């Protein structure tokens, strides 16, 4: 349920109600809005305590949260959340563009890419240091050496670093180097990992699983939020269907649907969502038109020689074309890339 504080409630009253919620054995999530503060009270047997909380100082009303996901719901926070991490801002009118290679291969490749995507207007660099591969014989990533290369690219360009974390054991290491920790589609329901990145406190990019429903995605985000980390971005990256003309089916209807139900920003991955270089630019523009708050795009100096996912990766000239088109669409829908 939500404890809605009166407009003008004092900090002392807010803190008193947080303490009162926790005394009742519930978890308190205070959310500061533009006009008033609400406190989400999460736990079992919430409704039993409704009357007790309604009488608290500075309380306007106590209302139940109907959605199965609590802290992620627009019932708790009607205003859109903006996630910021260094050079990257995602949400509301901010359109963040995360670009870079699927895998970090060497320092020259990554720094060259970081400089090129920044020049084209990207606001963050991506690159996998730990790679989840279907085959154990495929390139698995440079691991900590790759993280150090990402940090070097950030030092060179000022771009925020977005990289994937695969296991709970690696969270502390990845958090040392990354500005945003990505949870890949295969790990969307790895609940211990979600809790671990929540406690780590760094912003999280949570990708939708290939067969996950919207509620499952939002409940996965709830694990991160429930650990005390409010900076979660949801990522639509395509789902597995009967259709085979693309790698996955990129469900752009997910963007407005999620915006109706959550305050969290929505990022789209047109690279994985299509699996074909020639489709990425137009689907990126379509994502912006649908209301996406961010894009994550694979870019490489020479996609033909990429160690991972070259068939869906743009070269520098193609990425410049994508940015030019997305800027025009963003302006039309009230977004800005900065």
C-alpha atoms as a PDB file:
ATOM      1  CA  UNK A   1       0.000   0.000   0.000  1.00  0.00           C
ATOM      2  CA  UNK A   2       0.992   3.644  -0.352  1.00  0.00           C
ATOM      3  CA  UNK A   3       1.136   6.175   2.465  1.00  0.00           C
ATOM      4  CA  UNK A   4       0.476   9.480   0.698  1.00  0.00           C
ATOM      5  CA  UNK A   5       1.796  12.413   2.670  1.00  0.00           C
ATOM      6  CA  UNK A   6       0.026  15.776   2.618  1.00  0.00           C
ATOM      7  CA  UNK A   7       1.390  18.515   0.417  1.00  0.00           C
ATOM      8  CA  UNK A   8       3.778  20.437   2.669  1.00  0.00           C
ATOM      9  CA  UNK A   9       4.355  17.541   5.096  1.00  0.00           C
ATOM     10  CA  UNK A  10       7.536  18.145   7.084  1.00  0.00           C
ATOM     11  CA  UNK A  11      10.665  15.998   6.888  1.00  0.00           C
ATOM     12  CA  UNK A  12      10.095  15.065  10.525  1.00  0.00           C
ATOM     13  CA  UNK A  13       6.597  13.763   9.693  1.00  0.00           C
ATOM     14  CA  UNK A  14       7.937  11.780   6.723  1.00  0.00           C
ATOM     15  CA  UNK A  15      10.681  10.212   8.841  1.00  0.00           C
ATOM     16  CA  UNK A  16       8.155   9.398  11.592  1.00  0.00           C
ATOM     17  CA  UNK A  17       5.931   7.555   9.104  1.00  0.00           C
ATOM     18  CA  UNK A  18       8.898   5.647   7.662  1.00  0.00           C
ATOM     19  CA  UNK A  19       9.735   4.493  11.189  1.00  0.00           C
ATOM     20  CA  UNK A  20       6.067   3.612  11.815  1.00  0.00           C
ATOM     21  CA  UNK A  21       5.879   1.514   8.626  1.00  0.00           C
ATOM     22  CA  UNK A  22       9.020  -0.388   9.640  1.00  0.00           C
ATOM     23  CA  UNK A  23       7.741  -0.883  13.208  1.00  0.00           C
ATOM     24  CA  UNK A  24       4.787  -2.744  11.673  1.00  0.00           C
ATOM     25  CA  UNK A  25       7.187  -5.166  10.009  1.00  0.00           C
ATOM     26  CA  UNK A  26       6.829  -3.657   6.528  1.00  0.00           C
ATOM     27  CA  UNK A  27       9.558  -2.342   4.238  1.00  0.00           C
ATOM     28  CA  UNK A  28       9.375   1.404   3.613  1.00  0.00           C
ATOM     29  CA  UNK A  29      10.280   2.888   0.224  1.00  0.00           C
ATOM     30  CA  UNK A  30      10.025   6.691   0.395  1.00  0.00           C
ATOM     31  CA  UNK A  31       9.591   8.322  -3.022  1.00  0.00           C
ATOM     32  CA  UNK A  32       9.990  12.085  -3.293  1.00  0.00           C
ATOM     33  CA  UNK A  33       7.645  13.498  -5.949  1.00  0.00           C
ATOM     34  CA  UNK A  34       7.450  16.965  -7.445  1.00  0.00           C
ATOM     35  CA  UNK A  35       4.522  17.929  -5.206  1.00  0.00           C
ATOM     36  CA  UNK A  36       4.392  15.424  -2.389  1.00  0.00           C
ATOM     37  CA  UNK A  37       6.124  12.431  -0.845  1.00  0.00           C
ATOM     38  CA  UNK A  38       4.707   8.913  -0.792  1.00  0.00           C
ATOM     39  CA  UNK A  39       5.924   5.936   1.194  1.00  0.00           C
ATOM     40  CA  UNK A  40       5.400   2.503  -0.328  1.00  0.00           C
ATOM     41  CA  UNK A  41       4.801  -0.021   2.454  1.00  0.00           C
ATOM     42  CA  UNK A  42       5.795  -3.460   1.161  1.00  0.00           C
ATOM     43  CA  UNK A  43       5.297  -6.776   2.940  1.00  0.00           C
ATOM     44  CA  UNK A  44       2.795  -9.370   4.046  1.00  0.00           C
ATOM     45  CA  UNK A  45      -0.543  -8.411   5.673  1.00  0.00           C
ATOM     46  CA  UNK A  46      -0.257  -4.788   4.608  1.00  0.00           C
ATOM     47  CA  UNK A  47      -3.999  -4.071   4.694  1.00  0.00           C
ATOM     48  CA  UNK A  48      -4.234  -4.955   8.392  1.00  0.00           C
ATOM     49  CA  UNK A  49      -2.230  -1.823   9.206  1.00  0.00           C
ATOM     50  CA  UNK A  50      -4.062   0.618   6.943  1.00  0.00           C
ATOM     51  CA  UNK A  51      -6.157   2.275   9.646  1.00  0.00           C
ATOM     52  CA  UNK A  52      -3.162   2.634  11.955  1.00  0.00           C
ATOM     53  CA  UNK A  53      -1.130   4.406   9.290  1.00  0.00           C
ATOM     54  CA  UNK A  54      -3.967   6.685   8.157  1.00  0.00           C
ATOM     55  CA  UNK A  55      -3.970   8.389  11.553  1.00  0.00           C
ATOM     56  CA  UNK A  56      -0.279   9.319  11.341  1.00  0.00           C
ATOM     57  CA  UNK A  57       0.890  12.966  11.348  1.00  0.00           C
ATOM     58  CA  UNK A  58       1.048  14.546   7.912  1.00  0.00           C
ATOM     59  CA  UNK A  59      -0.727  11.623   6.201  1.00  0.00           C
ATOM     60  CA  UNK A  60      -3.257  12.497   3.489  1.00  0.00           C
ATOM     61  CA  UNK A  61      -4.416   8.952   2.728  1.00  0.00           C
ATOM     62  CA  UNK A  62      -3.356   5.321   2.570  1.00  0.00           C
ATOM     63  CA  UNK A  63      -4.272   3.454  -0.605  1.00  0.00           C
ATOM     64  CA  UNK A  64      -3.654  -0.110  -1.792  1.00  0.00           C
ATOM     65  CA  UNK A  65      -1.302  -0.834  -4.710  1.00  0.00           C
ATOM     66  CA  UNK A  66      -3.248  -2.971  -7.149  1.00  0.00           C
ATOM     67  CA  UNK A  67      -0.361  -3.946  -9.454  1.00  0.00           C
ATOM     68  CA  UNK A  68       1.657  -7.064  -8.499  1.00  0.00           C
ATOM     69  CA  UNK A  69       4.823  -4.973  -8.914  1.00  0.00           C
ATOM     70  CA  UNK A  70       4.770  -2.316  -6.198  1.00  0.00           C
ATOM     71  CA  UNK A  71       7.670   0.151  -6.286  1.00  0.00           C
ATOM     72  CA  UNK A  72       7.845   0.042 -10.113  1.00  0.00           C
ATOM     73  CA  UNK A  73       4.170   0.978 -10.471  1.00  0.00           C
ATOM     74  CA  UNK A  74       2.855   4.359 -11.577  1.00  0.00           C
ATOM     75  CA  UNK A  75       0.422   4.065  -8.662  1.00  0.00           C
ATOM     76  CA  UNK A  76       3.405   4.763  -6.404  1.00  0.00           C
ATOM     77  CA  UNK A  77       5.170   7.344  -8.600  1.00  0.00           C
ATOM     78  CA  UNK A  78       3.170   9.005 -11.396  1.00  0.00           C
ATOM     79  CA  UNK A  79       6.140  11.099 -12.582  1.00  0.00           C
ATOM     80  CA  UNK A  80       8.648   9.429 -14.933  1.00  0.00           C
ATOM     81  CA  UNK A  81      11.980   8.479 -13.396  1.00  0.00           C
ATOM     82  CA  UNK A  82      15.146   9.857 -14.974  1.00  0.00           C
ATOM     83  CA  UNK A  83      18.194   7.620 -14.531  1.00  0.00           C
ATOM     84  CA  UNK A  84      21.532   9.447 -14.630  1.00  0.00           C
ATOM     85  CA  UNK A  85      25.009   7.931 -14.722  1.00  0.00           C
ATOM     86  CA  UNK A  86      27.828  10.246 -15.704  1.00  0.00           C
ATOM     87  CA  UNK A  87      27.278  11.337 -19.314  1.00  0.00           C
ATOM     88  CA  UNK A  88      24.111   9.236 -19.625  1.00  0.00           C
ATOM     89  CA  UNK A  89      20.588  10.532 -18.870  1.00  0.00           C
ATOM     90  CA  UNK A  90      17.588   8.328 -19.677  1.00  0.00           C
ATOM     91  CA  UNK A  91      13.918   9.120 -19.063  1.00  0.00           C
ATOM     92  CA  UNK A  92      11.231  11.785 -19.458  1.00  0.00           C
ATOM     93  CA  UNK A  93      12.535  14.104 -22.225  1.00  0.00           C
ATOM     94  CA  UNK A  94      16.077  12.679 -22.136  1.00  0.00           C
ATOM     95  CA  UNK A  95      16.939  10.170 -24.877  1.00  0.00           C
ATOM     96  CA  UNK A  96      20.110   8.281 -23.968  1.00  0.00           C
ATOM     97  CA  UNK A  97      22.095   6.514 -26.683  1.00  0.00           C
ATOM     98  CA  UNK A  98      24.406   3.686 -25.592  1.00  0.00           C
ATOM     99  CA  UNK A  99      26.685   2.456 -28.394  1.00  0.00           C
ATOM    100  CA  UNK A 100      29.705   0.234 -28.817  1.00  0.00           C
ATOM    101  CA  UNK A 101      30.843  -3.277 -29.674  1.00  0.00           C
ATOM    102  CA  UNK A 102      29.166  -6.429 -28.469  1.00  0.00           C
ATOM    103  CA  UNK A 103      32.491  -7.530 -26.959  1.00  0.00           C
ATOM    104  CA  UNK A 104      35.592  -5.674 -25.793  1.00  0.00           C
ATOM    105  CA  UNK A 105      38.381  -7.125 -27.944  1.00  0.00           C
ATOM    106  CA  UNK A 106      41.338  -4.818 -27.280  1.00  0.00           C
ATOM    107  CA  UNK A 107      42.028  -1.257 -26.174  1.00  0.00           C
ATOM    108  CA  UNK A 108      42.556   0.123 -29.685  1.00  0.00           C
ATOM    109  CA  UNK A 109      39.201  -1.230 -30.889  1.00  0.00           C
ATOM    110  CA  UNK A 110      37.255   0.114 -27.906  1.00  0.00           C
ATOM    111  CA  UNK A 111      38.832   3.556 -27.597  1.00  0.00           C
ATOM    112  CA  UNK A 112      38.508   4.103 -31.355  1.00  0.00           C
ATOM    113  CA  UNK A 113      34.827   3.135 -31.146  1.00  0.00           C
ATOM    114  CA  UNK A 114      34.215   5.307 -28.081  1.00  0.00           C
ATOM    115  CA  UNK A 115      35.655   8.359 -29.847  1.00  0.00           C
ATOM    116  CA  UNK A 116      33.593   7.676 -32.989  1.00  0.00           C
ATOM    117  CA  UNK A 117      30.255   7.141 -31.224  1.00  0.00           C
ATOM    118  CA  UNK A 118      30.802  10.190 -29.021  1.00  0.00           C
ATOM    119  CA  UNK A 119      31.513  12.316 -32.089  1.00  0.00           C
ATOM    120  CA  UNK A 120      28.237  11.066 -33.592  1.00  0.00           C
ATOM    121  CA  UNK A 121      26.313  11.989 -30.419  1.00  0.00           C
ATOM    122  CA  UNK A 122      26.194   8.830 -28.281  1.00  0.00           C
ATOM    123  CA  UNK A 123      25.957   9.455 -24.549  1.00  0.00           C
ATOM    124  CA  UNK A 124      27.472   6.184 -23.251  1.00  0.00           C
ATOM    125  CA  UNK A 125      29.827   3.429 -24.403  1.00  0.00           C
ATOM    126  CA  UNK A 126      28.845  -0.236 -24.206  1.00  0.00           C
ATOM    127  CA  UNK A 127      31.008  -3.320 -24.450  1.00  0.00           C
ATOM    128  CA  UNK A 128      30.950  -6.810 -23.017  1.00  0.00           C
ATOM    129  CA  UNK A 129      33.855  -7.815 -20.777  1.00  0.00           C
ATOM    130  CA  UNK A 130      31.981 -10.952 -19.657  1.00  0.00           C
ATOM    131  CA  UNK A 131      30.116 -12.607 -22.539  1.00  0.00           C
ATOM    132  CA  UNK A 132      27.251 -15.110 -22.080  1.00  0.00           C
ATOM    133  CA  UNK A 133      27.638 -17.382 -25.098  1.00  0.00           C
ATOM    134  CA  UNK A 134      25.461 -20.313 -26.114  1.00  0.00           C
ATOM    135  CA  UNK A 135      28.539 -22.376 -26.945  1.00  0.00           C
ATOM    136  CA  UNK A 136      31.296 -22.812 -24.335  1.00  0.00           C
ATOM    137  CA  UNK A 137      33.802 -22.693 -27.204  1.00  0.00           C
ATOM    138  CA  UNK A 138      32.834 -19.178 -28.312  1.00  0.00           C
ATOM    139  CA  UNK A 139      34.750 -16.084 -27.160  1.00  0.00           C
ATOM    140  CA  UNK A 140      33.846 -15.542 -23.505  1.00  0.00           C
ATOM    141  CA  UNK A 141      35.222 -12.018 -23.068  1.00  0.00           C
ATOM    142  CA  UNK A 142      38.372 -10.492 -21.584  1.00  0.00           C
ATOM    143  CA  UNK A 143      36.838 -10.299 -18.095  1.00  0.00           C
ATOM    144  CA  UNK A 144      38.704  -7.878 -15.762  1.00  0.00           C
ATOM    145  CA  UNK A 145      41.126  -6.911 -18.529  1.00  0.00           C
ATOM    146  CA  UNK A 146      38.065  -5.894 -20.573  1.00  0.00           C
ATOM    147  CA  UNK A 147      36.708  -3.846 -17.674  1.00  0.00           C
ATOM    148  CA  UNK A 148      40.020  -1.976 -17.457  1.00  0.00           C
ATOM    149  CA  UNK A 149      39.810  -1.203 -21.177  1.00  0.00           C
ATOM    150  CA  UNK A 150      36.285   0.163 -20.693  1.00  0.00           C
ATOM    151  CA  UNK A 151      37.559   2.377 -17.885  1.00  0.00           C
ATOM    152  CA  UNK A 152      40.361   3.608 -20.181  1.00  0.00           C
ATOM    153  CA  UNK A 153      37.779   4.507 -22.843  1.00  0.00           C
ATOM    154  CA  UNK A 154      35.783   6.462 -20.248  1.00  0.00           C
ATOM    155  CA  UNK A 155      38.952   8.304 -19.224  1.00  0.00           C
ATOM    156  CA  UNK A 156      39.664   9.131 -22.871  1.00  0.00           C
ATOM    157  CA  UNK A 157      36.162  10.261 -23.874  1.00  0.00           C
ATOM    158  CA  UNK A 158      34.148  11.013 -20.740  1.00  0.00           C
ATOM    159  CA  UNK A 159      31.443   8.539 -21.812  1.00  0.00           C
ATOM    160  CA  UNK A 160      29.674   6.512 -19.131  1.00  0.00           C
ATOM    161  CA  UNK A 161      30.398   2.769 -19.250  1.00  0.00           C
ATOM    162  CA  UNK A 162      27.590   0.203 -19.635  1.00  0.00           C
ATOM    163  CA  UNK A 163      28.613  -3.449 -19.331  1.00  0.00           C
ATOM    164  CA  UNK A 164      27.008  -6.758 -18.432  1.00  0.00           C
ATOM    165  CA  UNK A 165      27.403  -8.651 -15.183  1.00  0.00           C
ATOM    166  CA  UNK A 166      26.780 -12.394 -15.401  1.00  0.00           C
ATOM    167  CA  UNK A 167      26.945 -13.679 -11.860  1.00  0.00           C
ATOM    168  CA  UNK A 168      26.442 -12.599  -8.280  1.00  0.00           C
ATOM    169  CA  UNK A 169      30.139 -13.324  -7.643  1.00  0.00           C
ATOM    170  CA  UNK A 170      31.187 -10.697 -10.210  1.00  0.00           C
ATOM    171  CA  UNK A 171      28.961  -7.823  -9.041  1.00  0.00           C
ATOM    172  CA  UNK A 172      31.548  -6.163  -6.809  1.00  0.00           C
ATOM    173  CA  UNK A 173      34.221  -6.366  -9.523  1.00  0.00           C
ATOM    174  CA  UNK A 174      31.995  -5.008 -12.300  1.00  0.00           C
ATOM    175  CA  UNK A 175      30.651  -2.234 -10.048  1.00  0.00           C
ATOM    176  CA  UNK A 176      34.233  -1.024  -9.551  1.00  0.00           C
ATOM    177  CA  UNK A 177      34.545  -0.195 -13.258  1.00  0.00           C
ATOM    178  CA  UNK A 178      31.016   0.251 -14.642  1.00  0.00           C
ATOM    179  CA  UNK A 179      28.687   3.244 -14.453  1.00  0.00           C
ATOM    180  CA  UNK A 180      25.696   1.064 -15.409  1.00  0.00           C
ATOM    181  CA  UNK A 181      25.414  -2.676 -14.812  1.00  0.00           C
ATOM    182  CA  UNK A 182      23.503  -4.558 -17.470  1.00  0.00           C
ATOM    183  CA  UNK A 183      21.479  -7.674 -16.704  1.00  0.00           C
ATOM    184  CA  UNK A 184      21.140  -9.695 -19.905  1.00  0.00           C
ATOM    185  CA  UNK A 185      18.046 -11.486 -21.154  1.00  0.00           C
ATOM    186  CA  UNK A 186      19.303 -14.869 -19.940  1.00  0.00           C
ATOM    187  CA  UNK A 187      19.599 -13.521 -16.381  1.00  0.00           C
ATOM    188  CA  UNK A 188      16.367 -11.529 -16.169  1.00  0.00           C
ATOM    189  CA  UNK A 189      14.968 -13.980 -13.620  1.00  0.00           C
ATOM    190  CA  UNK A 190      18.218 -14.674 -11.783  1.00  0.00           C
ATOM    191  CA  UNK A 191      16.766 -13.261  -8.582  1.00  0.00           C
ATOM    192  CA  UNK A 192      19.904 -13.451  -6.446  1.00  0.00           C
ATOM    193  CA  UNK A 193      21.807 -11.530  -9.132  1.00  0.00           C
ATOM    194  CA  UNK A 194      19.024  -8.922  -9.299  1.00  0.00           C
ATOM    195  CA  UNK A 195      19.197  -8.436  -5.541  1.00  0.00           C
ATOM    196  CA  UNK A 196      22.987  -8.195  -5.662  1.00  0.00           C
ATOM    197  CA  UNK A 197      23.014  -5.421  -8.285  1.00  0.00           C
ATOM    198  CA  UNK A 198      20.270  -3.706  -6.304  1.00  0.00           C
ATOM    199  CA  UNK A 199      22.436  -3.632  -3.190  1.00  0.00           C
ATOM    200  CA  UNK A 200      25.474  -2.522  -5.237  1.00  0.00           C
ATOM    201  CA  UNK A 201      23.708   0.784  -5.880  1.00  0.00           C
ATOM    202  CA  UNK A 202      24.854   1.382  -9.463  1.00  0.00           C
ATOM    203  CA  UNK A 203      22.181   2.104 -12.125  1.00  0.00           C
ATOM    204  CA  UNK A 204      20.897  -1.082 -13.778  1.00  0.00           C
ATOM    205  CA  UNK A 205      19.870  -1.812 -17.375  1.00  0.00           C
ATOM    206  CA  UNK A 206      17.514  -4.806 -17.192  1.00  0.00           C
ATOM    207  CA  UNK A 207      16.875  -6.637 -20.445  1.00  0.00           C
ATOM    208  CA  UNK A 208      13.610  -8.486 -21.055  1.00  0.00           C
ATOM    209  CA  UNK A 209      13.975 -12.253 -21.310  1.00  0.00           C
ATOM    210  CA  UNK A 210      13.351 -13.813 -24.710  1.00  0.00           C
ATOM    211  CA  UNK A 211      10.112 -15.412 -23.479  1.00  0.00           C
ATOM    212  CA  UNK A 212       9.215 -13.055 -20.630  1.00  0.00           C
ATOM    213  CA  UNK A 213       5.876 -11.325 -20.190  1.00  0.00           C
ATOM    214  CA  UNK A 214       5.556  -7.664 -19.254  1.00  0.00           C
ATOM    215  CA  UNK A 215       4.589  -8.553 -15.679  1.00  0.00           C
ATOM    216  CA  UNK A 216       7.603 -10.857 -15.371  1.00  0.00           C
ATOM    217  CA  UNK A 217       9.904  -8.057 -16.551  1.00  0.00           C
ATOM    218  CA  UNK A 218       8.376  -5.579 -14.095  1.00  0.00           C
ATOM    219  CA  UNK A 219       8.571  -8.059 -11.234  1.00  0.00           C
ATOM    220  CA  UNK A 220      12.240  -8.691 -12.082  1.00  0.00           C
ATOM    221  CA  UNK A 221      12.799  -4.926 -11.835  1.00  0.00           C
ATOM    222  CA  UNK A 222      10.999  -5.013  -8.496  1.00  0.00           C
ATOM    223  CA  UNK A 223      13.804  -7.186  -7.068  1.00  0.00           C
ATOM    224  CA  UNK A 224      16.330  -4.432  -7.819  1.00  0.00           C
ATOM    225  CA  UNK A 225      14.035  -1.696  -6.522  1.00  0.00           C
ATOM    226  CA  UNK A 226      13.208  -3.669  -3.390  1.00  0.00           C
ATOM    227  CA  UNK A 227      16.933  -3.859  -2.618  1.00  0.00           C
ATOM    228  CA  UNK A 228      16.943  -0.062  -2.398  1.00  0.00           C
ATOM    229  CA  UNK A 229      18.169   0.846  -5.884  1.00  0.00           C
ATOM    230  CA  UNK A 230      15.718   3.230  -7.669  1.00  0.00           C
ATOM    231  CA  UNK A 231      17.817   3.582 -10.838  1.00  0.00           C
ATOM    232  CA  UNK A 232      16.485   0.858 -13.110  1.00  0.00           C
ATOM    233  CA  UNK A 233      16.059   1.039 -16.898  1.00  0.00           C
ATOM    234  CA  UNK A 234      13.942  -1.604 -18.636  1.00  0.00           C
ATOM    235  CA  UNK A 235      15.168  -2.842 -22.016  1.00  0.00           C
ATOM    236  CA  UNK A 236      13.017  -4.316 -24.792  1.00  0.00           C
ATOM    237  CA  UNK A 237      15.356  -6.444 -26.921  1.00  0.00           C
ATOM    238  CA  UNK A 238      12.960  -8.667 -28.825  1.00  0.00           C
ATOM    239  CA  UNK A 239      11.204 -11.905 -27.918  1.00  0.00           C
ATOM    240  CA  UNK A 240      11.281 -15.381 -29.411  1.00  0.00           C
ATOM    241  CA  UNK A 241       8.296 -16.157 -31.659  1.00  0.00           C
ATOM    242  CA  UNK A 242       7.531 -18.500 -34.569  1.00  0.00           C
ATOM    243  CA  UNK A 243       8.807 -15.863 -37.029  1.00  0.00           C
ATOM    244  CA  UNK A 244      12.318 -16.421 -38.407  1.00  0.00           C
ATOM    245  CA  UNK A 245      12.955 -13.464 -40.726  1.00  0.00           C
ATOM    246  CA  UNK A 246      14.660 -11.641 -37.846  1.00  0.00           C
ATOM    247  CA  UNK A 247      16.748 -12.919 -34.948  1.00  0.00           C
ATOM    248  CA  UNK A 248      13.942 -12.005 -32.530  1.00  0.00           C
ATOM    249  CA  UNK A 249      10.606 -10.209 -32.858  1.00  0.00           C
ATOM    250  CA  UNK A 250      11.113  -6.635 -31.646  1.00  0.00           C
ATOM    251  CA  UNK A 251       7.922  -5.762 -29.776  1.00  0.00           C
ATOM    252  CA  UNK A 252       7.763  -1.976 -29.946  1.00  0.00           C
ATOM    253  CA  UNK A 253       4.234  -1.967 -28.509  1.00  0.00           C
ATOM    254  CA  UNK A 254       6.018  -2.796 -25.245  1.00  0.00           C
ATOM    255  CA  UNK A 255       7.257   0.807 -25.036  1.00  0.00           C
ATOM    256  CA  UNK A 256       3.906   2.646 -24.688  1.00  0.00           C
ATOM    257  CA  UNK A 257       2.459  -0.299 -22.760  1.00  0.00           C
ATOM    258  CA  UNK A 258       5.213  -0.106 -20.147  1.00  0.00           C
ATOM    259  CA  UNK A 259       5.017   3.681 -19.978  1.00  0.00           C
ATOM    260  CA  UNK A 260       1.360   3.331 -18.971  1.00  0.00           C
ATOM    261  CA  UNK A 261       2.272   1.027 -16.100  1.00  0.00           C
ATOM    262  CA  UNK A 262       5.651   2.064 -14.761  1.00  0.00           C
ATOM    263  CA  UNK A 263       7.607   5.228 -14.088  1.00  0.00           C
ATOM    264  CA  UNK A 264      10.858   3.472 -15.068  1.00  0.00           C
ATOM    265  CA  UNK A 265      12.520   4.518 -18.357  1.00  0.00           C
ATOM    266  CA  UNK A 266      12.365   2.191 -21.369  1.00  0.00           C
ATOM    267  CA  UNK A 267      15.393   1.440 -23.563  1.00  0.00           C
ATOM    268  CA  UNK A 268      15.186  -0.451 -26.876  1.00  0.00           C
ATOM    269  CA  UNK A 269      17.885  -2.685 -28.402  1.00  0.00           C
ATOM    270  CA  UNK A 270      17.312  -2.757 -32.181  1.00  0.00           C
ATOM    271  CA  UNK A 271      20.547  -4.706 -32.735  1.00  0.00           C
ATOM    272  CA  UNK A 272      19.494  -7.861 -30.878  1.00  0.00           C
ATOM    273  CA  UNK A 273      15.851  -7.188 -31.694  1.00  0.00           C
ATOM    274  CA  UNK A 274      16.432  -7.611 -35.422  1.00  0.00           C
ATOM    275  CA  UNK A 275      19.779  -9.357 -35.851  1.00  0.00           C
ATOM    276  CA  UNK A 276      20.362  -7.655 -39.203  1.00  0.00           C
ATOM    277  CA  UNK A 277      22.487  -4.546 -39.762  1.00  0.00           C
ATOM    278  CA  UNK A 278      20.214  -3.217 -42.511  1.00  0.00           C
ATOM    279  CA  UNK A 279      17.211  -3.140 -40.137  1.00  0.00           C
ATOM    280  CA  UNK A 280      18.836  -1.518 -37.116  1.00  0.00           C
ATOM    281  CA  UNK A 281      18.663   2.161 -38.135  1.00  0.00           C
ATOM    282  CA  UNK A 282      14.986   2.142 -39.092  1.00  0.00           C
ATOM    283  CA  UNK A 283      13.956   0.164 -36.035  1.00  0.00           C
ATOM    284  CA  UNK A 284      15.963   2.541 -33.836  1.00  0.00           C
ATOM    285  CA  UNK A 285      14.022   5.460 -35.321  1.00  0.00           C
ATOM    286  CA  UNK A 286      10.758   3.550 -34.872  1.00  0.00           C
ATOM    287  CA  UNK A 287      11.679   2.951 -31.224  1.00  0.00           C
ATOM    288  CA  UNK A 288      12.134   6.677 -30.647  1.00  0.00           C
ATOM    289  CA  UNK A 289       8.817   7.350 -32.384  1.00  0.00           C
ATOM    290  CA  UNK A 290       7.163   4.821 -30.050  1.00  0.00           C
ATOM    291  CA  UNK A 291       8.425   6.794 -27.057  1.00  0.00           C
ATOM    292  CA  UNK A 292      11.635   4.986 -26.085  1.00  0.00           C
ATOM    293  CA  UNK A 293      13.769   6.793 -23.518  1.00  0.00           C
ATOM    294  CA  UNK A 294      16.986   5.222 -24.756  1.00  0.00           C
ATOM    295  CA  UNK A 295      18.677   3.069 -27.379  1.00  0.00           C
ATOM    296  CA  UNK A 296      21.465   0.509 -27.051  1.00  0.00           C
ATOM    297  CA  UNK A 297      23.172  -0.175 -30.367  1.00  0.00           C
ATOM    298  CA  UNK A 298      26.105  -2.367 -31.420  1.00  0.00           C
ATOM    299  CA  UNK A 299      28.881  -0.462 -33.246  1.00  0.00           C
ATOM    300  CA  UNK A 300      32.318  -1.737 -34.322  1.00  0.00           C
ATOM    301  CA  UNK A 301      35.196  -0.330 -36.420  1.00  0.00           C
ATOM    302  CA  UNK A 302      34.993  -3.360 -38.727  1.00  0.00           C
ATOM    303  CA  UNK A 303      31.859  -5.477 -38.160  1.00  0.00           C
ATOM    304  CA  UNK A 304      33.074  -8.196 -40.561  1.00  0.00           C
ATOM    305  CA  UNK A 305      35.945  -8.940 -38.174  1.00  0.00           C
ATOM    306  CA  UNK A 306      33.997  -8.577 -34.914  1.00  0.00           C
ATOM    307  CA  UNK A 307      34.446 -11.478 -32.485  1.00  0.00           C
ATOM    308  CA  UNK A 308      30.745 -11.382 -31.597  1.00  0.00           C
ATOM    309  CA  UNK A 309      27.489 -10.437 -33.391  1.00  0.00           C
ATOM    310  CA  UNK A 310      29.068  -8.765 -36.423  1.00  0.00           C
ATOM    311  CA  UNK A 311      25.969  -9.478 -38.549  1.00  0.00           C
ATOM    312  CA  UNK A 312      23.886  -7.026 -36.494  1.00  0.00           C
ATOM    313  CA  UNK A 313      26.592  -4.436 -35.835  1.00  0.00           C
ATOM    314  CA  UNK A 314      26.887  -1.009 -37.469  1.00  0.00           C
ATOM    315  CA  UNK A 315      30.098   0.577 -38.694  1.00  0.00           C
ATOM    316  CA  UNK A 316      30.858   4.204 -37.856  1.00  0.00           C
ATOM    317  CA  UNK A 317      29.258   5.688 -40.983  1.00  0.00           C
ATOM    318  CA  UNK A 318      26.061   3.673 -40.442  1.00  0.00           C
ATOM    319  CA  UNK A 319      25.905   4.813 -36.824  1.00  0.00           C
ATOM    320  CA  UNK A 320      26.197   8.448 -37.897  1.00  0.00           C
ATOM    321  CA  UNK A 321      23.209   7.894 -40.213  1.00  0.00           C
ATOM    322  CA  UNK A 322      21.260   6.325 -37.341  1.00  0.00           C
ATOM    323  CA  UNK A 323      21.968   9.287 -35.076  1.00  0.00           C
ATOM    324  CA  UNK A 324      20.957  11.820 -37.731  1.00  0.00           C
ATOM    325  CA  UNK A 325      17.618  10.066 -38.305  1.00  0.00           C
ATOM    326  CA  UNK A 326      16.933   9.524 -34.588  1.00  0.00           C
ATOM    327  CA  UNK A 327      17.612  13.184 -33.819  1.00  0.00           C
ATOM    328  CA  UNK A 328      14.910  14.238 -36.286  1.00  0.00           C
ATOM    329  CA  UNK A 329      12.419  11.760 -34.849  1.00  0.00           C
ATOM    330  CA  UNK A 330      13.323  12.705 -31.264  1.00  0.00           C
ATOM    331  CA  UNK A 331      12.649  16.366 -31.968  1.00  0.00           C
ATOM    332  CA  UNK A 332       9.225  15.474 -33.389  1.00  0.00           C
ATOM    333  CA  UNK A 333       8.216  13.551 -30.234  1.00  0.00           C
ATOM    334  CA  UNK A 334       9.658  15.987 -27.676  1.00  0.00           C
ATOM    335  CA  UNK A 335      12.856  14.135 -26.796  1.00  0.00           C
ATOM    336  CA  UNK A 336      16.442  15.331 -26.892  1.00  0.00           C
ATOM    337  CA  UNK A 337      19.751  13.482 -27.108  1.00  0.00           C
ATOM    338  CA  UNK A 338      22.218  15.028 -24.662  1.00  0.00           C
END
